[in-house]
């Protein structure tokens, strides 16, 4: 079953997003690289600000956190005063 992202990859690159091995479908490394580039391009458009200042009332913000395992996680947060 193809996701929207996989269909978009097919449309933009004319490449297959998956390969099959022993009747199982796997996402190709090219799809992962392509998605990573898309995410980096979106991340570059974000405006970062100091975390010590509070956001405006009802402002939706994204917070980047580093978990115990070292992975970065971006969470959506809303601040209510």
PDB file of N, CA and C in Angstrom:
ATOM      1  N   UNK A   1       0.846  -1.174   0.000  1.00  0.00           N
ATOM      2  CA  UNK A   1       0.000   0.000   0.000  1.00  0.00           C
ATOM      3  C   UNK A   1       0.897   1.244   0.000  1.00  0.00           C
ATOM      4  N   UNK A   2       0.684   2.126  -0.955  1.00  0.00           N
ATOM      5  CA  UNK A   2       1.509   3.315  -1.077  1.00  0.00           C
ATOM      6  C   UNK A   2       0.926   4.469  -0.262  1.00  0.00           C
ATOM      7  N   UNK A   3       1.808   5.181   0.415  1.00  0.00           N
ATOM      8  CA  UNK A   3       1.397   6.369   1.157  1.00  0.00           C
ATOM      9  C   UNK A   3       1.352   7.564   0.198  1.00  0.00           C
ATOM     10  N   UNK A   4       0.817   8.675   0.667  1.00  0.00           N
ATOM     11  CA  UNK A   4       0.797   9.894  -0.144  1.00  0.00           C
ATOM     12  C   UNK A   4       2.210  10.331  -0.495  1.00  0.00           C
ATOM     13  N   UNK A   5       3.125  10.182   0.459  1.00  0.00           N
ATOM     14  CA  UNK A   5       4.510  10.566   0.226  1.00  0.00           C
ATOM     15  C   UNK A   5       5.139   9.700  -0.859  1.00  0.00           C
ATOM     16  N   UNK A   6       4.837   8.418  -0.837  1.00  0.00           N
ATOM     17  CA  UNK A   6       5.373   7.514  -1.853  1.00  0.00           C
ATOM     18  C   UNK A   6       4.808   7.844  -3.231  1.00  0.00           C
ATOM     19  N   UNK A   7       3.520   8.169  -3.300  1.00  0.00           N
ATOM     20  CA  UNK A   7       2.912   8.561  -4.581  1.00  0.00           C
ATOM     21  C   UNK A   7       3.521   9.865  -5.087  1.00  0.00           C
ATOM     22  N   UNK A   8       3.774  10.800  -4.182  1.00  0.00           N
ATOM     23  CA  UNK A   8       4.397  12.066  -4.562  1.00  0.00           C
ATOM     24  C   UNK A   8       5.805  11.821  -5.108  1.00  0.00           C
ATOM     25  N   UNK A   9       6.540  10.920  -4.456  1.00  0.00           N
ATOM     26  CA  UNK A   9       7.881  10.573  -4.924  1.00  0.00           C
ATOM     27  C   UNK A   9       7.817  10.027  -6.347  1.00  0.00           C
ATOM     28  N   UNK A  10       6.875   9.128  -6.607  1.00  0.00           N
ATOM     29  CA  UNK A  10       6.700   8.570  -7.949  1.00  0.00           C
ATOM     30  C   UNK A  10       6.412   9.663  -8.966  1.00  0.00           C
ATOM     31  N   UNK A  11       5.501  10.569  -8.617  1.00  0.00           N
ATOM     32  CA  UNK A  11       5.124  11.650  -9.529  1.00  0.00           C
ATOM     33  C   UNK A  11       6.289  12.573  -9.840  1.00  0.00           C
ATOM     34  N   UNK A  12       7.095  12.892  -8.827  1.00  0.00           N
ATOM     35  CA  UNK A  12       8.192  13.847  -9.011  1.00  0.00           C
ATOM     36  C   UNK A  12       9.424  13.234  -9.666  1.00  0.00           C
ATOM     37  N   UNK A  13       9.645  11.944  -9.477  1.00  0.00           N
ATOM     38  CA  UNK A  13      10.892  11.342  -9.954  1.00  0.00           C
ATOM     39  C   UNK A  13      10.706  10.304 -11.060  1.00  0.00           C
ATOM     40  N   UNK A  14       9.487   9.851 -11.284  1.00  0.00           N
ATOM     41  CA  UNK A  14       9.215   8.752 -12.227  1.00  0.00           C
ATOM     42  C   UNK A  14       9.939   7.466 -11.830  1.00  0.00           C
ATOM     43  N   UNK A  15      10.218   7.302 -10.552  1.00  0.00           N
ATOM     44  CA  UNK A  15      10.882   6.109 -10.018  1.00  0.00           C
ATOM     45  C   UNK A  15       9.911   5.359  -9.111  1.00  0.00           C
ATOM     46  N   UNK A  16      10.137   4.072  -8.957  1.00  0.00           N
ATOM     47  CA  UNK A  16       9.328   3.268  -8.047  1.00  0.00           C
ATOM     48  C   UNK A  16       9.804   3.509  -6.615  1.00  0.00           C
ATOM     49  N   UNK A  17       8.892   3.709  -5.658  1.00  0.00           N
ATOM     50  CA  UNK A  17       9.288   3.981  -4.290  1.00  0.00           C
ATOM     51  C   UNK A  17       9.611   2.725  -3.477  1.00  0.00           C
ATOM     52  N   UNK A  18       9.281   1.566  -4.010  1.00  0.00           N
ATOM     53  CA  UNK A  18       9.493   0.344  -3.239  1.00  0.00           C
ATOM     54  C   UNK A  18      10.161  -0.727  -4.090  1.00  0.00           C
ATOM     55  N   UNK A  19      10.719  -1.709  -3.416  1.00  0.00           N
ATOM     56  CA  UNK A  19      11.209  -2.915  -4.071  1.00  0.00           C
ATOM     57  C   UNK A  19      10.696  -4.100  -3.277  1.00  0.00           C
ATOM     58  N   UNK A  20      10.578  -5.231  -3.923  1.00  0.00           N
ATOM     59  CA  UNK A  20       9.989  -6.410  -3.289  1.00  0.00           C
ATOM     60  C   UNK A  20      11.041  -7.497  -3.117  1.00  0.00           C
ATOM     61  N   UNK A  21      11.019  -8.112  -1.950  1.00  0.00           N
ATOM     62  CA  UNK A  21      11.924  -9.213  -1.656  1.00  0.00           C
ATOM     63  C   UNK A  21      11.180 -10.217  -0.808  1.00  0.00           C
ATOM     64  N   UNK A  22      11.091 -11.464  -1.263  1.00  0.00           N
ATOM     65  CA  UNK A  22      10.357 -12.521  -0.568  1.00  0.00           C
ATOM     66  C   UNK A  22       8.924 -12.094  -0.244  1.00  0.00           C
ATOM     67  N   UNK A  23       8.273 -11.549  -1.239  1.00  0.00           N
ATOM     68  CA  UNK A  23       6.867 -11.111  -1.130  1.00  0.00           C
ATOM     69  C   UNK A  23       6.642 -10.016  -0.089  1.00  0.00           C
ATOM     70  N   UNK A  24       7.683  -9.274   0.234  1.00  0.00           N
ATOM     71  CA  UNK A  24       7.550  -8.124   1.146  1.00  0.00           C
ATOM     72  C   UNK A  24       8.018  -6.880   0.419  1.00  0.00           C
ATOM     73  N   UNK A  25       7.328  -5.789   0.661  1.00  0.00           N
ATOM     74  CA  UNK A  25       7.684  -4.530   0.022  1.00  0.00           C
ATOM     75  C   UNK A  25       8.521  -3.683   0.957  1.00  0.00           C
ATOM     76  N   UNK A  26       9.578  -3.084   0.427  1.00  0.00           N
ATOM     77  CA  UNK A  26      10.465  -2.227   1.197  1.00  0.00           C
ATOM     78  C   UNK A  26      10.608  -0.882   0.491  1.00  0.00           C
ATOM     79  N   UNK A  27      10.704   0.169   1.263  1.00  0.00           N
ATOM     80  CA  UNK A  27      10.929   1.498   0.705  1.00  0.00           C
ATOM     81  C   UNK A  27      12.388   1.590   0.275  1.00  0.00           C
ATOM     82  N   UNK A  28      12.614   2.178  -0.894  1.00  0.00           N
ATOM     83  CA  UNK A  28      13.990   2.294  -1.384  1.00  0.00           C
ATOM     84  C   UNK A  28      14.747   3.377  -0.610  1.00  0.00           C
ATOM     85  N   UNK A  29      16.067   3.260  -0.598  1.00  0.00           N
ATOM     86  CA  UNK A  29      16.900   4.274   0.049  1.00  0.00           C
ATOM     87  C   UNK A  29      16.736   5.627  -0.623  1.00  0.00           C
ATOM     88  N   UNK A  30      16.474   5.617  -1.924  1.00  0.00           N
ATOM     89  CA  UNK A  30      16.275   6.873  -2.661  1.00  0.00           C
ATOM     90  C   UNK A  30      15.076   7.651  -2.127  1.00  0.00           C
ATOM     91  N   UNK A  31      14.020   6.942  -1.754  1.00  0.00           N
ATOM     92  CA  UNK A  31      12.836   7.605  -1.188  1.00  0.00           C
ATOM     93  C   UNK A  31      13.199   8.251   0.140  1.00  0.00           C
ATOM     94  N   UNK A  32      13.946   7.530   0.957  1.00  0.00           N
ATOM     95  CA  UNK A  32      14.331   8.077   2.257  1.00  0.00           C
ATOM     96  C   UNK A  32      15.219   9.309   2.090  1.00  0.00           C
ATOM     97  N   UNK A  33      16.165   9.266   1.157  1.00  0.00           N
ATOM     98  CA  UNK A  33      17.024  10.424   0.887  1.00  0.00           C
ATOM     99  C   UNK A  33      16.206  11.588   0.376  1.00  0.00           C
ATOM    100  N   UNK A  34      15.274  11.308  -0.536  1.00  0.00           N
ATOM    101  CA  UNK A  34      14.403  12.341  -1.118  1.00  0.00           C
ATOM    102  C   UNK A  34      13.547  12.990  -0.021  1.00  0.00           C
ATOM    103  N   UNK A  35      12.959  12.179   0.852  1.00  0.00           N
ATOM    104  CA  UNK A  35      12.129  12.704   1.938  1.00  0.00           C
ATOM    105  C   UNK A  35      12.972  13.532   2.907  1.00  0.00           C
ATOM    106  N   UNK A  36      14.190  13.071   3.189  1.00  0.00           N
ATOM    107  CA  UNK A  36      15.083  13.809   4.086  1.00  0.00           C
ATOM    108  C   UNK A  36      15.402  15.195   3.512  1.00  0.00           C
ATOM    109  N   UNK A  37      15.639  15.267   2.209  1.00  0.00           N
ATOM    110  CA  UNK A  37      15.900  16.558   1.556  1.00  0.00           C
ATOM    111  C   UNK A  37      14.685  17.479   1.659  1.00  0.00           C
ATOM    112  N   UNK A  38      13.487  16.909   1.476  1.00  0.00           N
ATOM    113  CA  UNK A  38      12.254  17.706   1.585  1.00  0.00           C
ATOM    114  C   UNK A  38      12.102  18.246   3.007  1.00  0.00           C
ATOM    115  N   UNK A  39      12.380  17.417   3.994  1.00  0.00           N
ATOM    116  CA  UNK A  39      12.258  17.834   5.395  1.00  0.00           C
ATOM    117  C   UNK A  39      13.273  18.923   5.719  1.00  0.00           C
ATOM    118  N   UNK A  40      14.506  18.761   5.233  1.00  0.00           N
ATOM    119  CA  UNK A  40      15.524  19.782   5.469  1.00  0.00           C
ATOM    120  C   UNK A  40      15.134  21.111   4.834  1.00  0.00           C
ATOM    121  N   UNK A  41      14.556  21.071   3.639  1.00  0.00           N
ATOM    122  CA  UNK A  41      14.129  22.303   2.975  1.00  0.00           C
ATOM    123  C   UNK A  41      13.027  22.998   3.775  1.00  0.00           C
ATOM    124  N   UNK A  42      12.098  22.224   4.318  1.00  0.00           N
ATOM    125  CA  UNK A  42      11.039  22.808   5.148  1.00  0.00           C
ATOM    126  C   UNK A  42      11.602  23.354   6.456  1.00  0.00           C
ATOM    127  N   UNK A  43      12.527  22.609   7.052  1.00  0.00           N
ATOM    128  CA  UNK A  43      13.134  23.031   8.314  1.00  0.00           C
ATOM    129  C   UNK A  43      13.906  24.339   8.140  1.00  0.00           C
ATOM    130  N   UNK A  44      14.510  24.535   6.970  1.00  0.00           N
ATOM    131  CA  UNK A  44      15.275  25.755   6.696  1.00  0.00           C
ATOM    132  C   UNK A  44      14.370  26.985   6.646  1.00  0.00           C
ATOM    133  N   UNK A  45      13.078  26.767   6.413  1.00  0.00           N
ATOM    134  CA  UNK A  45      12.134  27.882   6.345  1.00  0.00           C
ATOM    135  C   UNK A  45      11.606  28.301   7.715  1.00  0.00           C
ATOM    136  N   UNK A  46      11.894  27.503   8.734  1.00  0.00           N
ATOM    137  CA  UNK A  46      11.404  27.822  10.075  1.00  0.00           C
ATOM    138  C   UNK A  46      12.164  29.003  10.661  1.00  0.00           C
ATOM    139  N   UNK A  47      11.483  29.755  11.498  1.00  0.00           N
ATOM    140  CA  UNK A  47      12.119  30.848  12.223  1.00  0.00           C
ATOM    141  C   UNK A  47      12.371  30.369  13.642  1.00  0.00           C
ATOM    142  N   UNK A  48      13.631  30.321  14.021  1.00  0.00           N
ATOM    143  CA  UNK A  48      13.988  29.869  15.358  1.00  0.00           C
ATOM    144  C   UNK A  48      14.104  31.073  16.281  1.00  0.00           C
ATOM    145  N   UNK A  49      13.662  30.932  17.490  1.00  0.00           N
ATOM    146  CA  UNK A  49      13.765  32.009  18.458  1.00  0.00           C
ATOM    147  C   UNK A  49      14.227  31.446  19.782  1.00  0.00           C
ATOM    148  N   UNK A  50      14.629  32.341  20.649  1.00  0.00           N
ATOM    149  CA  UNK A  50      15.136  31.946  21.961  1.00  0.00           C
ATOM    150  C   UNK A  50      14.029  31.268  22.766  1.00  0.00           C
ATOM    151  N   UNK A  51      14.342  30.166  23.375  1.00  0.00           N
ATOM    152  CA  UNK A  51      13.346  29.417  24.137  1.00  0.00           C
ATOM    153  C   UNK A  51      13.019  30.068  25.475  1.00  0.00           C
ATOM    154  N   UNK A  52      13.781  31.084  25.894  1.00  0.00           N
ATOM    155  CA  UNK A  52      13.501  31.712  27.183  1.00  0.00           C
ATOM    156  C   UNK A  52      12.359  32.722  27.101  1.00  0.00           C
ATOM    157  N   UNK A  53      12.001  33.167  25.888  1.00  0.00           N
ATOM    158  CA  UNK A  53      10.876  34.090  25.748  1.00  0.00           C
ATOM    159  C   UNK A  53       9.606  33.280  25.490  1.00  0.00           C
ATOM    160  N   UNK A  54       8.539  33.693  26.124  1.00  0.00           N
ATOM    161  CA  UNK A  54       7.272  32.982  25.981  1.00  0.00           C
ATOM    162  C   UNK A  54       6.596  33.354  24.668  1.00  0.00           C
ATOM    163  N   UNK A  55       5.946  32.403  24.009  1.00  0.00           N
ATOM    164  CA  UNK A  55       5.193  32.725  22.800  1.00  0.00           C
ATOM    165  C   UNK A  55       3.944  33.536  23.138  1.00  0.00           C
ATOM    166  N   UNK A  56       3.383  34.150  22.131  1.00  0.00           N
ATOM    167  CA  UNK A  56       2.149  34.928  22.323  1.00  0.00           C
ATOM    168  C   UNK A  56       1.005  33.985  22.695  1.00  0.00           C
ATOM    169  N   UNK A  57      -0.049  34.564  23.264  1.00  0.00           N
ATOM    170  CA  UNK A  57      -1.205  33.766  23.673  1.00  0.00           C
ATOM    171  C   UNK A  57      -1.771  33.023  22.460  1.00  0.00           C
ATOM    172  N   UNK A  58      -2.048  31.755  22.640  1.00  0.00           N
ATOM    173  CA  UNK A  58      -2.618  30.869  21.619  1.00  0.00           C
ATOM    174  C   UNK A  58      -1.722  30.673  20.396  1.00  0.00           C
ATOM    175  N   UNK A  59      -0.456  31.053  20.485  1.00  0.00           N
ATOM    176  CA  UNK A  59       0.469  30.838  19.370  1.00  0.00           C
ATOM    177  C   UNK A  59       0.873  29.372  19.321  1.00  0.00           C
ATOM    178  N   UNK A  60       0.851  28.809  18.137  1.00  0.00           N
ATOM    179  CA  UNK A  60       1.283  27.428  17.946  1.00  0.00           C
ATOM    180  C   UNK A  60       2.765  27.461  17.588  1.00  0.00           C
ATOM    181  N   UNK A  61       3.549  26.680  18.301  1.00  0.00           N
ATOM    182  CA  UNK A  61       4.990  26.647  18.056  1.00  0.00           C
ATOM    183  C   UNK A  61       5.448  25.202  17.895  1.00  0.00           C
ATOM    184  N   UNK A  62       6.580  25.037  17.243  1.00  0.00           N
ATOM    185  CA  UNK A  62       7.222  23.733  17.158  1.00  0.00           C
ATOM    186  C   UNK A  62       8.435  23.771  18.066  1.00  0.00           C
ATOM    187  N   UNK A  63       8.609  22.746  18.849  1.00  0.00           N
ATOM    188  CA  UNK A  63       9.753  22.675  19.756  1.00  0.00           C
ATOM    189  C   UNK A  63      10.617  21.482  19.368  1.00  0.00           C
ATOM    190  N   UNK A  64      11.910  21.736  19.205  1.00  0.00           N
ATOM    191  CA  UNK A  64      12.836  20.651  18.873  1.00  0.00           C
ATOM    192  C   UNK A  64      13.478  20.177  20.176  1.00  0.00           C
ATOM    193  N   UNK A  65      13.343  18.895  20.442  1.00  0.00           N
ATOM    194  CA  UNK A  65      13.877  18.306  21.660  1.00  0.00           C
ATOM    195  C   UNK A  65      14.796  17.144  21.287  1.00  0.00           C
ATOM    196  N   UNK A  66      15.761  16.878  22.118  1.00  0.00           N
ATOM    197  CA  UNK A  66      16.632  15.727  21.921  1.00  0.00           C
ATOM    198  C   UNK A  66      16.302  14.718  23.008  1.00  0.00           C
ATOM    199  N   UNK A  67      15.914  13.525  22.579  1.00  0.00           N
ATOM    200  CA  UNK A  67      15.528  12.484  23.516  1.00  0.00           C
ATOM    201  C   UNK A  67      16.728  11.806  24.151  1.00  0.00           C
ATOM    202  N   UNK A  68      16.467  10.917  25.091  1.00  0.00           N
ATOM    203  CA  UNK A  68      17.523  10.189  25.790  1.00  0.00           C
ATOM    204  C   UNK A  68      18.376   9.363  24.832  1.00  0.00           C
ATOM    205  N   UNK A  69      17.752   8.899  23.742  1.00  0.00           N
ATOM    206  CA  UNK A  69      18.473   8.070  22.783  1.00  0.00           C
ATOM    207  C   UNK A  69      19.273   8.902  21.784  1.00  0.00           C
ATOM    208  N   UNK A  70      19.210  10.244  21.905  1.00  0.00           N
ATOM    209  CA  UNK A  70      19.969  11.125  21.021  1.00  0.00           C
ATOM    210  C   UNK A  70      19.205  11.564  19.789  1.00  0.00           C
ATOM    211  N   UNK A  71      18.010  11.023  19.575  1.00  0.00           N
ATOM    212  CA  UNK A  71      17.225  11.412  18.408  1.00  0.00           C
ATOM    213  C   UNK A  71      16.549  12.757  18.648  1.00  0.00           C
ATOM    214  N   UNK A  72      16.489  13.569  17.591  1.00  0.00           N
ATOM    215  CA  UNK A  72      15.784  14.845  17.677  1.00  0.00           C
ATOM    216  C   UNK A  72      14.315  14.614  17.368  1.00  0.00           C
ATOM    217  N   UNK A  73      13.458  15.255  18.133  1.00  0.00           N
ATOM    218  CA  UNK A  73      12.023  15.144  17.943  1.00  0.00           C
ATOM    219  C   UNK A  73      11.457  16.559  17.874  1.00  0.00           C
ATOM    220  N   UNK A  74      10.578  16.807  16.909  1.00  0.00           N
ATOM    221  CA  UNK A  74       9.913  18.094  16.827  1.00  0.00           C
ATOM    222  C   UNK A  74       8.470  17.885  17.265  1.00  0.00           C
ATOM    223  N   UNK A  75       8.044  18.673  18.229  1.00  0.00           N
ATOM    224  CA  UNK A  75       6.674  18.537  18.741  1.00  0.00           C
ATOM    225  C   UNK A  75       5.911  19.844  18.518  1.00  0.00           C
ATOM    226  N   UNK A  76       4.629  19.711  18.330  1.00  0.00           N
ATOM    227  CA  UNK A  76       3.754  20.884  18.164  1.00  0.00           C
ATOM    228  C   UNK A  76       3.254  21.258  19.554  1.00  0.00           C
ATOM    229  N   UNK A  77       3.346  22.530  19.888  1.00  0.00           N
ATOM    230  CA  UNK A  77       2.921  22.954  21.214  1.00  0.00           C
ATOM    231  C   UNK A  77       2.120  24.246  21.125  1.00  0.00           C
ATOM    232  N   UNK A  78       1.163  24.390  22.011  1.00  0.00           N
ATOM    233  CA  UNK A  78       0.382  25.613  22.108  1.00  0.00           C
ATOM    234  C   UNK A  78       0.546  26.142  23.530  1.00  0.00           C
ATOM    235  N   UNK A  79       0.753  27.433  23.647  1.00  0.00           N
ATOM    236  CA  UNK A  79       0.963  28.027  24.963  1.00  0.00           C
ATOM    237  C   UNK A  79      -0.240  28.886  25.322  1.00  0.00           C
ATOM    238  N   UNK A  80      -0.823  28.637  26.460  1.00  0.00           N
ATOM    239  CA  UNK A  80      -1.974  29.405  26.951  1.00  0.00           C
ATOM    240  C   UNK A  80      -1.533  30.188  28.166  1.00  0.00           C
ATOM    241  N   UNK A  81      -1.733  31.487  28.151  1.00  0.00           N
ATOM    242  CA  UNK A  81      -1.380  32.314  29.315  1.00  0.00           C
ATOM    243  C   UNK A  81      -2.544  32.402  30.255  1.00  0.00           C
TER     244      UNK A  81
END
